[in-house]
């Protein structure tokens, strides 16, 4: 039985037993007159009208509201899971990008270190070559100066010996 029919039966039974509150009708508790039948008809009509106009639409509205609410909650849960998944993917990609950047930075450092070492090696080689050339040049200049001085030494030593001895040698 539907809820409306149960309510109607309950009200009818209650009305039936409470309709004879009248002091004059106390001896005729079980007698049914026309007004009671008219009231029952009006009540039943009111229940059917209210059921079709008020109760059913209200129950349908509550049902739809419940579906929308539970649907919205489910949708929010799904969106939360998607957001969490996107955040995790973002973190993974960010970590990959960081590791790639670290590798590239290390590679650049290795290239820079190699270039630095090559430049230092080249500069040392050039300095060594210049040093060798300078030594050779210095030695040749030393020889030239010694040869010039030798001839001058002989002349100067004769001149000094002549002055010291007082005669020419």
N, C-alpha and C. Protein backbone atom coordinates (compact mmCIF):
# COMPACT_ATOMS: atom_id res chain seq x y z
N UNK A 1 0.84 -1.18 0.00
CA UNK A 1 0.00 0.00 0.00
C UNK A 1 0.88 1.24 0.00
N UNK A 2 0.37 2.24 -0.67
CA UNK A 2 1.13 3.47 -0.71
C UNK A 2 0.96 4.23 0.59
N UNK A 3 1.86 5.14 0.81
CA UNK A 3 1.85 5.92 2.05
C UNK A 3 0.59 6.75 2.17
N UNK A 4 0.14 7.29 1.07
CA UNK A 4 -1.07 8.13 1.10
C UNK A 4 -2.29 7.32 1.51
N UNK A 5 -2.39 6.10 1.05
CA UNK A 5 -3.55 5.27 1.40
C UNK A 5 -3.48 4.89 2.87
N UNK A 6 -2.32 4.59 3.39
CA UNK A 6 -2.17 4.27 4.80
C UNK A 6 -2.57 5.46 5.67
N UNK A 7 -2.09 6.64 5.26
CA UNK A 7 -2.44 7.85 6.00
C UNK A 7 -3.95 8.06 5.96
N UNK A 8 -4.54 7.86 4.80
CA UNK A 8 -5.98 8.03 4.64
C UNK A 8 -6.76 7.07 5.54
N UNK A 9 -6.34 5.82 5.57
CA UNK A 9 -7.03 4.85 6.42
C UNK A 9 -6.89 5.21 7.89
N UNK A 10 -5.69 5.64 8.29
CA UNK A 10 -5.48 6.04 9.67
C UNK A 10 -6.37 7.20 10.05
N UNK A 11 -6.45 8.20 9.16
CA UNK A 11 -7.27 9.38 9.42
C UNK A 11 -8.75 9.00 9.46
N UNK A 12 -9.14 8.12 8.56
CA UNK A 12 -10.56 7.69 8.54
C UNK A 12 -10.93 6.98 9.83
N UNK A 13 -10.07 6.11 10.29
CA UNK A 13 -10.37 5.38 11.52
C UNK A 13 -10.40 6.36 12.69
N UNK A 14 -9.41 7.27 12.73
CA UNK A 14 -9.38 8.27 13.80
C UNK A 14 -10.61 9.15 13.75
N UNK A 15 -10.98 9.57 12.56
CA UNK A 15 -12.15 10.43 12.38
C UNK A 15 -13.43 9.68 12.75
N UNK A 16 -13.46 8.44 12.41
CA UNK A 16 -14.65 7.65 12.70
C UNK A 16 -14.87 7.53 14.20
N UNK A 17 -13.77 7.29 14.92
CA UNK A 17 -13.92 7.14 16.37
C UNK A 17 -14.06 8.47 17.07
N UNK A 18 -13.50 9.54 16.53
CA UNK A 18 -13.59 10.83 17.19
C UNK A 18 -14.80 11.65 16.75
N UNK A 19 -15.51 11.21 15.75
CA UNK A 19 -16.66 11.97 15.26
C UNK A 19 -17.82 11.97 16.24
N UNK A 20 -17.84 11.04 17.10
CA UNK A 20 -18.97 10.97 18.00
C UNK A 20 -18.65 11.53 19.37
N UNK A 21 -17.97 12.64 19.40
CA UNK A 21 -17.67 13.33 20.64
C UNK A 21 -18.90 14.08 21.16
N UNK A 22 -19.81 14.22 20.38
CA UNK A 22 -21.00 15.01 20.76
C UNK A 22 -21.72 14.31 21.90
N UNK A 23 -22.14 15.03 22.90
CA UNK A 23 -22.81 14.48 24.07
C UNK A 23 -24.14 13.87 23.67
N UNK A 24 -24.81 14.48 22.75
CA UNK A 24 -26.10 13.97 22.33
C UNK A 24 -25.96 12.68 21.56
N UNK A 25 -24.87 12.51 20.87
CA UNK A 25 -24.71 11.33 20.04
C UNK A 25 -23.94 10.25 20.77
N UNK A 26 -23.82 10.34 22.05
CA UNK A 26 -23.05 9.39 22.81
C UNK A 26 -23.66 8.00 22.73
N UNK A 27 -24.98 7.90 22.69
CA UNK A 27 -25.58 6.58 22.62
C UNK A 27 -25.51 6.00 21.23
N UNK A 28 -25.33 6.85 20.23
CA UNK A 28 -25.26 6.36 18.84
C UNK A 28 -23.81 6.41 18.34
N UNK A 29 -22.89 5.81 19.08
CA UNK A 29 -21.47 5.89 18.71
C UNK A 29 -21.23 5.24 17.36
N UNK A 30 -21.88 4.21 17.02
CA UNK A 30 -21.62 3.51 15.78
C UNK A 30 -22.53 3.96 14.66
N UNK A 31 -23.33 4.92 14.88
CA UNK A 31 -24.22 5.37 13.80
C UNK A 31 -23.49 6.31 12.89
N UNK A 32 -23.74 6.21 11.61
CA UNK A 32 -23.08 7.03 10.60
C UNK A 32 -24.15 7.90 9.97
N UNK A 33 -23.96 9.17 9.98
CA UNK A 33 -24.93 10.07 9.33
C UNK A 33 -24.34 10.62 8.05
N UNK A 34 -25.07 11.50 7.39
CA UNK A 34 -24.68 12.02 6.07
C UNK A 34 -23.45 12.91 6.15
N UNK A 35 -23.31 13.70 7.19
CA UNK A 35 -22.19 14.65 7.26
C UNK A 35 -20.85 13.92 7.37
N UNK A 36 -20.87 12.80 8.07
CA UNK A 36 -19.64 12.04 8.20
C UNK A 36 -19.22 11.49 6.84
N UNK A 37 -20.15 11.02 6.06
CA UNK A 37 -19.86 10.49 4.74
C UNK A 37 -19.37 11.60 3.83
N UNK A 38 -20.00 12.78 3.92
CA UNK A 38 -19.57 13.92 3.10
C UNK A 38 -18.15 14.35 3.51
N UNK A 39 -17.87 14.37 4.78
CA UNK A 39 -16.54 14.74 5.25
C UNK A 39 -15.49 13.73 4.78
N UNK A 40 -15.84 12.45 4.84
CA UNK A 40 -14.90 11.42 4.37
C UNK A 40 -14.65 11.59 2.88
N UNK A 41 -15.69 11.85 2.09
CA UNK A 41 -15.54 12.06 0.65
C UNK A 41 -14.65 13.27 0.39
N UNK A 42 -14.90 14.36 1.13
CA UNK A 42 -14.08 15.58 0.95
C UNK A 42 -12.63 15.28 1.33
N UNK A 43 -12.46 14.54 2.42
CA UNK A 43 -11.11 14.21 2.88
C UNK A 43 -10.37 13.34 1.86
N UNK A 44 -11.06 12.33 1.35
CA UNK A 44 -10.43 11.45 0.35
C UNK A 44 -10.09 12.25 -0.91
N UNK A 45 -10.99 13.10 -1.35
CA UNK A 45 -10.73 13.94 -2.52
C UNK A 45 -9.54 14.85 -2.27
N UNK A 46 -9.50 15.42 -1.05
CA UNK A 46 -8.37 16.31 -0.71
C UNK A 46 -7.06 15.53 -0.72
N UNK A 47 -7.08 14.29 -0.20
CA UNK A 47 -5.86 13.47 -0.19
C UNK A 47 -5.41 13.19 -1.62
N UNK A 48 -6.32 12.79 -2.50
CA UNK A 48 -5.94 12.51 -3.89
C UNK A 48 -5.43 13.77 -4.59
N UNK A 49 -6.11 14.89 -4.37
CA UNK A 49 -5.68 16.14 -5.00
C UNK A 49 -4.31 16.56 -4.46
N UNK A 50 -4.18 16.54 -3.12
CA UNK A 50 -2.88 16.91 -2.54
C UNK A 50 -1.79 15.93 -2.95
N UNK A 51 -2.13 14.66 -3.07
CA UNK A 51 -1.14 13.67 -3.48
C UNK A 51 -0.63 13.98 -4.88
N UNK A 52 -1.54 14.26 -5.81
CA UNK A 52 -1.13 14.51 -7.19
C UNK A 52 -0.50 15.89 -7.36
N UNK A 53 -0.96 16.89 -6.58
CA UNK A 53 -0.44 18.25 -6.76
C UNK A 53 0.73 18.58 -5.84
N UNK A 54 0.80 17.95 -4.66
CA UNK A 54 1.81 18.36 -3.71
C UNK A 54 2.79 17.24 -3.36
N UNK A 55 2.29 16.10 -2.92
CA UNK A 55 3.18 15.07 -2.40
C UNK A 55 4.06 14.44 -3.48
N UNK A 56 3.47 14.02 -4.60
CA UNK A 56 4.27 13.39 -5.66
C UNK A 56 5.32 14.35 -6.21
N UNK A 57 4.95 15.61 -6.58
CA UNK A 57 6.00 16.52 -7.08
C UNK A 57 7.09 16.79 -6.03
N UNK A 58 6.67 16.89 -4.76
CA UNK A 58 7.65 17.14 -3.71
C UNK A 58 8.60 15.95 -3.56
N UNK A 59 8.06 14.74 -3.58
CA UNK A 59 8.90 13.55 -3.49
C UNK A 59 9.82 13.41 -4.71
N UNK A 60 9.29 13.73 -5.90
CA UNK A 60 10.13 13.70 -7.11
C UNK A 60 11.24 14.74 -7.01
N UNK A 61 10.90 15.93 -6.52
CA UNK A 61 11.89 17.00 -6.36
C UNK A 61 12.98 16.56 -5.38
N UNK A 62 12.59 15.96 -4.28
CA UNK A 62 13.58 15.47 -3.31
C UNK A 62 14.44 14.37 -3.92
N UNK A 63 13.85 13.49 -4.71
CA UNK A 63 14.60 12.43 -5.38
C UNK A 63 15.61 13.00 -6.37
N UNK A 64 15.17 13.97 -7.17
CA UNK A 64 16.09 14.60 -8.14
C UNK A 64 17.21 15.33 -7.41
N UNK A 65 16.84 16.00 -6.32
CA UNK A 65 17.83 16.73 -5.54
C UNK A 65 18.87 15.76 -4.97
N UNK A 66 18.41 14.64 -4.49
CA UNK A 66 19.32 13.62 -3.96
C UNK A 66 20.24 13.09 -5.06
N UNK A 67 19.67 12.83 -6.24
CA UNK A 67 20.48 12.36 -7.37
C UNK A 67 21.52 13.41 -7.76
N UNK A 68 21.09 14.68 -7.83
CA UNK A 68 22.01 15.75 -8.20
C UNK A 68 23.11 15.90 -7.15
N UNK A 69 22.72 15.82 -5.89
CA UNK A 69 23.70 15.97 -4.83
C UNK A 69 24.70 14.83 -4.85
N UNK A 70 24.20 13.61 -4.91
CA UNK A 70 25.12 12.47 -4.95
C UNK A 70 25.92 12.47 -6.24
N UNK A 71 25.30 12.87 -7.34
CA UNK A 71 26.03 12.97 -8.62
C UNK A 71 27.12 14.03 -8.55
N UNK A 72 26.80 15.15 -7.93
CA UNK A 72 27.79 16.22 -7.80
C UNK A 72 28.94 15.78 -6.90
N UNK A 73 28.60 15.07 -5.84
CA UNK A 73 29.65 14.57 -4.95
C UNK A 73 30.54 13.59 -5.69
N UNK A 74 29.96 12.70 -6.45
CA UNK A 74 30.75 11.74 -7.24
C UNK A 74 31.61 12.47 -8.26
N UNK A 75 31.02 13.47 -8.90
CA UNK A 75 31.77 14.24 -9.89
C UNK A 75 32.93 14.97 -9.22
N UNK A 76 32.69 15.51 -8.03
CA UNK A 76 33.76 16.20 -7.30
C UNK A 76 34.87 15.22 -6.93
N UNK A 77 34.49 14.01 -6.53
CA UNK A 77 35.50 13.00 -6.21
C UNK A 77 36.32 12.66 -7.44
N UNK A 78 35.65 12.47 -8.59
CA UNK A 78 36.35 12.15 -9.83
C UNK A 78 37.29 13.30 -10.22
N UNK A 79 36.79 14.55 -10.09
CA UNK A 79 37.64 15.69 -10.43
C UNK A 79 38.84 15.77 -9.48
N UNK A 80 38.60 15.48 -8.21
CA UNK A 80 39.71 15.46 -7.25
C UNK A 80 40.75 14.43 -7.62
N UNK A 81 40.31 13.25 -8.03
CA UNK A 81 41.24 12.20 -8.45
C UNK A 81 42.00 12.62 -9.70
N UNK A 82 41.28 13.26 -10.65
CA UNK A 82 41.96 13.73 -11.87
C UNK A 82 42.99 14.79 -11.53
N UNK A 83 42.63 15.71 -10.63
CA UNK A 83 43.57 16.76 -10.23
C UNK A 83 44.80 16.13 -9.58
N UNK A 84 44.59 15.16 -8.71
CA UNK A 84 45.70 14.48 -8.05
C UNK A 84 46.59 13.78 -9.08
N UNK A 85 45.95 13.15 -10.07
CA UNK A 85 46.71 12.47 -11.13
C UNK A 85 47.51 13.50 -11.94
N UNK A 86 46.90 14.62 -12.27
CA UNK A 86 47.60 15.66 -13.04
C UNK A 86 48.77 16.21 -12.23
N UNK A 87 48.56 16.42 -10.92
CA UNK A 87 49.64 16.92 -10.07
C UNK A 87 50.78 15.91 -10.03
N UNK A 88 50.45 14.64 -9.91
CA UNK A 88 51.50 13.61 -9.90
C UNK A 88 52.27 13.59 -11.22
N UNK A 89 51.54 13.69 -12.34
CA UNK A 89 52.20 13.73 -13.66
C UNK A 89 53.09 14.96 -13.76
N UNK A 90 52.61 16.10 -13.25
CA UNK A 90 53.40 17.33 -13.27
C UNK A 90 54.67 17.16 -12.46
N UNK A 91 54.55 16.54 -11.27
CA UNK A 91 55.73 16.33 -10.44
C UNK A 91 56.72 15.41 -11.13
N UNK A 92 56.22 14.36 -11.77
CA UNK A 92 57.11 13.44 -12.48
C UNK A 92 57.84 14.17 -13.60
N UNK A 93 57.09 14.94 -14.39
CA UNK A 93 57.72 15.68 -15.49
C UNK A 93 58.70 16.72 -14.96
N UNK A 94 58.36 17.37 -13.85
CA UNK A 94 59.25 18.36 -13.26
C UNK A 94 60.54 17.69 -12.79
N UNK A 95 60.43 16.53 -12.17
CA UNK A 95 61.63 15.80 -11.74
C UNK A 95 62.46 15.37 -12.93
N UNK A 96 61.79 14.93 -14.01
CA UNK A 96 62.52 14.55 -15.22
C UNK A 96 63.25 15.76 -15.80
N UNK A 97 62.56 16.90 -15.84
CA UNK A 97 63.18 18.12 -16.37
C UNK A 97 64.37 18.54 -15.51
N UNK A 98 64.22 18.42 -14.20
CA UNK A 98 65.33 18.77 -13.31
C UNK A 98 66.52 17.86 -13.54
N UNK A 99 66.26 16.56 -13.65
CA UNK A 99 67.38 15.64 -13.86
C UNK A 99 68.03 15.89 -15.23
N UNK A 100 67.22 16.18 -16.24
CA UNK A 100 67.78 16.50 -17.55
C UNK A 100 68.62 17.77 -17.49
N UNK A 101 68.12 18.77 -16.79
CA UNK A 101 68.88 20.02 -16.64
C UNK A 101 70.18 19.76 -15.88
N UNK A 102 70.13 18.91 -14.87
CA UNK A 102 71.33 18.57 -14.12
C UNK A 102 72.34 17.87 -15.02
N UNK A 103 71.86 16.95 -15.83
CA UNK A 103 72.77 16.25 -16.76
C UNK A 103 73.39 17.22 -17.75
N UNK A 104 72.56 18.11 -18.29
CA UNK A 104 73.08 19.09 -19.26
C UNK A 104 74.10 20.02 -18.59
N UNK A 105 73.79 20.44 -17.35
CA UNK A 105 74.73 21.31 -16.63
C UNK A 105 76.04 20.58 -16.38
N UNK A 106 75.97 19.31 -16.01
CA UNK A 106 77.20 18.54 -15.79
C UNK A 106 77.97 18.37 -17.09
N UNK A 107 77.24 18.15 -18.18
CA UNK A 107 77.89 18.01 -19.50
C UNK A 107 78.59 19.33 -19.88
N UNK A 108 77.92 20.44 -19.63
CA UNK A 108 78.52 21.74 -19.94
C UNK A 108 79.76 21.95 -19.07
N UNK A 109 79.67 21.56 -17.79
CA UNK A 109 80.83 21.69 -16.91
C UNK A 109 81.99 20.84 -17.41
N UNK A 110 81.67 19.60 -17.85
CA UNK A 110 82.75 18.74 -18.37
C UNK A 110 83.40 19.37 -19.61
N UNK A 111 82.56 19.91 -20.50
CA UNK A 111 83.12 20.56 -21.69
C UNK A 111 83.95 21.78 -21.30
N UNK A 112 83.46 22.55 -20.35
CA UNK A 112 84.19 23.74 -19.92
C UNK A 112 85.51 23.33 -19.26
N UNK A 113 85.49 22.28 -18.44
CA UNK A 113 86.72 21.80 -17.80
C UNK A 113 87.72 21.32 -18.84
N UNK A 114 87.21 20.60 -19.84
CA UNK A 114 88.08 20.12 -20.91
C UNK A 114 88.68 21.30 -21.69
N UNK A 115 87.83 22.28 -22.00
CA UNK A 115 88.31 23.46 -22.73
C UNK A 115 89.33 24.21 -21.89
N UNK A 116 89.08 24.32 -20.58
CA UNK A 116 90.01 25.00 -19.69
C UNK A 116 91.36 24.27 -19.66
N UNK A 117 91.29 22.94 -19.52
CA UNK A 117 92.52 22.16 -19.48
C UNK A 117 93.28 22.26 -20.80
N UNK A 118 92.55 22.24 -21.91
CA UNK A 118 93.19 22.39 -23.22
C UNK A 118 93.85 23.75 -23.36
N UNK A 119 93.15 24.79 -22.91
CA UNK A 119 93.70 26.15 -23.00
C UNK A 119 94.94 26.29 -22.13
N UNK A 120 94.89 25.72 -20.91
CA UNK A 120 96.06 25.79 -20.03
C UNK A 120 97.23 25.02 -20.64
N UNK A 121 96.93 23.84 -21.19
CA UNK A 121 97.98 23.04 -21.83
C UNK A 121 98.61 23.78 -23.00
N UNK A 122 97.75 24.38 -23.81
CA UNK A 122 98.25 25.13 -24.98
C UNK A 122 99.08 26.33 -24.53
N UNK A 123 98.59 27.03 -23.49
CA UNK A 123 99.33 28.19 -22.99
C UNK A 123 100.69 27.76 -22.43
N UNK A 124 100.73 26.62 -21.72
CA UNK A 124 102.01 26.13 -21.20
C UNK A 124 102.95 25.76 -22.32
N UNK A 125 102.40 25.11 -23.36
CA UNK A 125 103.25 24.73 -24.50
C UNK A 125 103.80 25.98 -25.18
N UNK A 126 102.91 26.98 -25.35
CA UNK A 126 103.37 28.23 -25.98
C UNK A 126 104.41 28.92 -25.10
N UNK A 127 104.17 28.90 -23.80
CA UNK A 127 105.13 29.52 -22.88
C UNK A 127 106.45 28.78 -22.92
N UNK A 128 106.39 27.46 -22.99
CA UNK A 128 107.61 26.66 -23.07
C UNK A 128 108.37 26.98 -24.36
N UNK A 129 107.61 27.08 -25.46
CA UNK A 129 108.26 27.41 -26.74
C UNK A 129 108.90 28.79 -26.65
N UNK A 130 108.17 29.76 -26.10
CA UNK A 130 108.73 31.11 -25.95
C UNK A 130 109.95 31.09 -25.04
N UNK A 131 109.89 30.31 -23.97
CA UNK A 131 111.02 30.22 -23.05
C UNK A 131 112.23 29.63 -23.76
N UNK A 132 111.99 28.58 -24.53
CA UNK A 132 113.10 27.97 -25.29
C UNK A 132 113.68 28.97 -26.28
N UNK A 133 112.78 29.65 -27.00
CA UNK A 133 113.26 30.65 -27.97
C UNK A 133 114.04 31.75 -27.26
N UNK A 134 113.54 32.15 -26.10
CA UNK A 134 114.23 33.20 -25.34
C UNK A 134 115.60 32.71 -24.87
N UNK A 135 115.68 31.44 -24.41
CA UNK A 135 116.96 30.89 -23.98
C UNK A 135 117.95 30.87 -25.13
N UNK A 136 117.47 30.41 -26.29
CA UNK A 136 118.35 30.34 -27.47
C UNK A 136 118.82 31.75 -27.85
N UNK A 137 117.88 32.67 -27.84
CA UNK A 137 118.22 34.05 -28.20
C UNK A 137 119.18 34.64 -27.18
N UNK A 138 118.92 34.37 -25.90
CA UNK A 138 119.79 34.88 -24.85
C UNK A 138 121.19 34.29 -24.97
N UNK A 139 121.26 32.99 -25.28
CA UNK A 139 122.56 32.36 -25.44
C UNK A 139 123.32 32.95 -26.63
N UNK A 140 122.57 33.16 -27.73
CA UNK A 140 123.26 33.74 -28.90
C UNK A 140 123.71 35.17 -28.62
N UNK A 141 122.89 35.93 -27.92
CA UNK A 141 123.29 37.29 -27.57
C UNK A 141 124.47 37.28 -26.61
N UNK A 142 124.43 36.29 -25.68
CA UNK A 142 125.55 36.17 -24.73
C UNK A 142 126.84 35.87 -25.48
N UNK A 143 126.76 34.98 -26.46
CA UNK A 143 127.95 34.65 -27.26
C UNK A 143 128.46 35.88 -27.99
N UNK A 144 127.50 36.60 -28.59
CA UNK A 144 127.91 37.80 -29.33
C UNK A 144 128.56 38.81 -28.40
N UNK A 145 127.97 39.00 -27.23
CA UNK A 145 128.53 39.98 -26.29
C UNK A 145 129.90 39.50 -25.82
N UNK A 146 130.01 38.18 -25.53
CA UNK A 146 131.30 37.65 -25.09
C UNK A 146 132.37 37.85 -26.17
N UNK A 147 131.99 37.62 -27.44
CA UNK A 147 132.96 37.80 -28.52
C UNK A 147 133.36 39.26 -28.64
N UNK A 148 132.39 40.14 -28.51
CA UNK A 148 132.72 41.57 -28.58
C UNK A 148 133.60 41.98 -27.40
N UNK A 149 133.24 41.46 -26.23
CA UNK A 149 133.98 41.83 -25.03
C UNK A 149 135.39 41.23 -25.07
N UNK A 150 135.55 40.04 -25.67
CA UNK A 150 136.86 39.41 -25.73
C UNK A 150 137.85 40.28 -26.49
N UNK A 151 137.36 40.74 -27.61
CA UNK A 151 138.27 41.60 -28.38
C UNK A 151 138.54 42.89 -27.62
N UNK A 152 137.52 43.38 -26.95
CA UNK A 152 137.72 44.60 -26.17
C UNK A 152 138.55 44.32 -24.92
N UNK A 153 138.44 43.12 -24.35
CA UNK A 153 139.19 42.76 -23.15
C UNK A 153 140.68 42.74 -23.47
N UNK A 154 140.97 42.17 -24.61
CA UNK A 154 142.39 42.11 -24.97
C UNK A 154 142.96 43.51 -25.12
N UNK A 155 142.23 44.38 -25.74
CA UNK A 155 142.68 45.75 -25.94
C UNK A 155 142.76 46.46 -24.60
N UNK A 156 141.73 46.28 -23.78
CA UNK A 156 141.70 46.95 -22.47
C UNK A 156 142.79 46.41 -21.56
N UNK A 157 143.01 45.10 -21.58
CA UNK A 157 144.05 44.52 -20.72
C UNK A 157 145.44 45.00 -21.15
N UNK A 158 145.67 45.17 -22.42
CA UNK A 158 146.94 45.71 -22.88
C UNK A 158 147.08 47.15 -22.45
N UNK A 159 146.01 47.85 -22.56
CA UNK A 159 146.03 49.26 -22.19
C UNK A 159 146.28 49.41 -20.70
N UNK A 160 145.65 48.59 -19.90
CA UNK A 160 145.82 48.66 -18.45
C UNK A 160 147.24 48.22 -18.05
N UNK A 161 147.67 47.15 -18.71
CA UNK A 161 149.03 46.66 -18.41
C UNK A 161 150.03 47.72 -18.78
N UNK A 162 149.83 48.40 -19.85
CA UNK A 162 150.75 49.45 -20.27
C UNK A 162 150.71 50.57 -19.26
N UNK A 163 149.64 50.92 -18.76
CA UNK A 163 149.54 52.00 -17.79
C UNK A 163 150.16 51.61 -16.47
N UNK A 164 149.91 50.38 -16.08
CA UNK A 164 150.46 49.93 -14.81
C UNK A 164 151.99 49.80 -14.92
N UNK A 165 152.46 49.26 -15.98
CA UNK A 165 153.87 49.03 -16.14
C UNK A 165 154.58 50.30 -16.59
N UNK A 166 153.87 51.12 -17.15
CA UNK A 166 154.42 52.36 -17.62
C UNK A 166 155.06 52.21 -18.99
N UNK A 167 154.93 51.14 -19.60
CA UNK A 167 155.42 50.96 -20.94
C UNK A 167 154.37 50.26 -21.79
N UNK A 168 154.55 50.37 -22.99
CA UNK A 168 153.58 49.78 -23.91
C UNK A 168 153.88 48.35 -24.18
N UNK A 169 152.85 47.61 -24.20
CA UNK A 169 152.99 46.19 -24.46
C UNK A 169 152.39 45.89 -25.81
